[in-house]
Amino acid sequence: MEKLENVTAIAKANVYFDGKVVSHTIYTADGDRKTLGLFLPGDYEFGTGDAEIMDIIDGVCQVRLPGTTEYIEIKAGESFNLPGNSKFGFRCYVPVQYVCSYIPLI
């Protein structure tokens, strides 16, 4: 995913962990919500509201999926799914760029 066309971007950034994780929200022409973001090296825990699909665009990270204790490696070009209303661990030793697609809970 190199280019997203016909989107509406929210100018104000979503900033977490003292600026070590930053994203911008966009909406597609169909109204789908996504965030484009960057993780700086670190170890993080996040919660989800809606279900999510995280596409890793650049870098390598390790993810601890909900209900598991082990981290798995995810590289650029790969993705992982997260259920809604869950928590997951994310760590990286290099900057990681991502696109997160939200799947509203019904």
Protein backbone atom coordinates (compact mmCIF):
# COMPACT_ATOMS: atom_id res chain seq x y z
CA MET A 1 0.00 0.00 0.00
CA GLU A 2 1.99 2.95 -1.24
CA LYS A 3 -0.73 5.43 -2.04
CA LEU A 4 -4.22 6.16 -0.72
CA GLU A 5 -6.36 8.31 -2.99
CA ASN A 6 -9.57 10.27 -2.40
CA VAL A 7 -9.25 10.50 1.37
CA THR A 8 -10.06 13.11 3.99
CA ALA A 9 -7.21 13.62 6.46
CA ILE A 10 -7.51 14.93 10.01
CA ALA A 11 -4.68 17.43 10.55
CA LYS A 12 -4.31 16.97 14.30
CA ALA A 13 -2.10 13.99 15.14
CA ASN A 14 -2.89 11.20 17.58
CA VAL A 15 0.11 11.24 19.93
CA TYR A 16 0.88 8.45 22.42
CA PHE A 17 3.73 7.57 24.77
CA ASP A 18 5.24 11.08 24.88
CA GLY A 19 5.41 11.31 21.10
CA LYS A 20 7.00 7.90 20.51
CA VAL A 21 3.89 6.72 18.64
CA VAL A 22 2.16 9.17 16.30
CA SER A 23 -0.60 8.66 13.76
CA HIS A 24 -3.02 10.62 11.60
CA THR A 25 -6.61 9.59 10.97
CA ILE A 26 -7.96 9.47 7.44
CA TYR A 27 -11.36 8.59 6.00
CA THR A 28 -11.75 6.91 2.62
CA ALA A 29 -14.35 7.98 0.07
CA ASP A 30 -16.48 5.08 1.38
CA GLY A 31 -16.26 6.44 4.93
CA ASP A 32 -13.86 3.78 6.22
CA ARG A 33 -11.53 4.98 8.99
CA LYS A 34 -7.79 4.31 8.90
CA THR A 35 -4.75 5.64 10.69
CA LEU A 36 -1.30 6.12 9.18
CA GLY A 37 1.38 6.06 11.82
CA LEU A 38 4.88 5.60 13.11
CA PHE A 39 6.20 3.70 16.13
CA LEU A 40 9.62 4.77 17.35
CA PRO A 41 11.70 2.05 19.02
CA GLY A 42 10.11 0.96 22.30
CA ASP A 43 7.81 -1.47 24.07
CA TYR A 44 4.11 -0.55 24.13
CA GLU A 45 0.70 -1.88 25.12
CA PHE A 46 -2.40 -0.66 23.33
CA GLY A 47 -6.11 -1.31 23.60
CA THR A 48 -8.58 -1.58 20.74
CA GLY A 49 -12.16 -0.39 20.49
CA ASP A 50 -13.10 -1.61 17.03
CA ALA A 51 -11.46 -4.63 15.44
CA GLU A 52 -8.32 -3.67 13.51
CA ILE A 53 -6.12 -4.85 10.67
CA MET A 54 -2.55 -3.54 11.04
CA ASP A 55 -0.48 -3.47 7.85
CA ILE A 56 3.23 -2.96 8.48
CA ILE A 57 4.57 -0.68 5.74
CA ASP A 58 8.20 -0.32 6.81
CA GLY A 59 10.33 -1.89 9.53
CA VAL A 60 10.12 -4.99 11.69
CA CYS A 61 8.19 -5.39 14.94
CA GLN A 62 7.16 -7.99 17.46
CA VAL A 63 3.50 -8.30 18.45
CA ARG A 64 1.86 -10.10 21.37
CA LEU A 65 -1.66 -10.83 20.21
CA PRO A 66 -4.60 -10.81 22.64
CA GLY A 67 -4.85 -13.99 24.69
CA THR A 68 -1.23 -14.99 24.05
CA THR A 69 2.02 -14.58 25.95
CA GLU A 70 4.53 -14.99 23.11
CA TYR A 71 5.61 -12.27 20.70
CA ILE A 72 5.61 -12.98 16.96
CA GLU A 73 7.69 -11.11 14.37
CA ILE A 74 5.88 -9.07 11.73
CA LYS A 75 7.83 -7.52 8.83
CA ALA A 76 7.10 -4.87 6.22
CA GLY A 77 4.52 -6.23 3.79
CA GLU A 78 2.83 -8.36 6.47
CA SER A 79 -0.24 -7.67 8.59
CA PHE A 80 -2.02 -8.90 11.70
CA ASN A 81 -5.62 -8.79 12.92
CA LEU A 82 -6.82 -7.59 16.30
CA PRO A 83 -10.27 -8.22 17.79
CA GLY A 84 -12.30 -5.34 19.16
CA ASN A 85 -12.12 -4.45 22.85
CA SER A 86 -8.79 -6.16 23.37
CA LYS A 87 -5.20 -5.37 24.39
CA PHE A 88 -2.00 -6.21 22.53
CA GLY A 89 1.72 -5.75 23.02
CA PHE A 90 3.93 -4.10 20.40
CA ARG A 91 7.68 -3.67 20.47
CA CYS A 92 10.23 -2.58 17.92
CA TYR A 93 13.93 -1.80 17.79
CA VAL A 94 13.72 0.28 14.60
CA PRO A 95 11.07 2.80 13.50
CA VAL A 96 7.97 1.04 12.15
CA GLN A 97 5.44 2.63 9.79
CA TYR A 98 1.93 1.19 9.60
CA VAL A 99 -1.59 1.59 8.26
CA CYS A 100 -4.38 0.53 10.59
CA SER A 101 -7.84 -0.23 9.15
CA TYR A 102 -10.75 -0.21 11.59
CA ILE A 103 -13.65 -2.67 11.40
CA PRO A 104 -16.58 -1.24 13.40
CA LEU A 105 -18.17 -3.57 15.93
CA ILE A 106 -21.78 -4.36 15.14
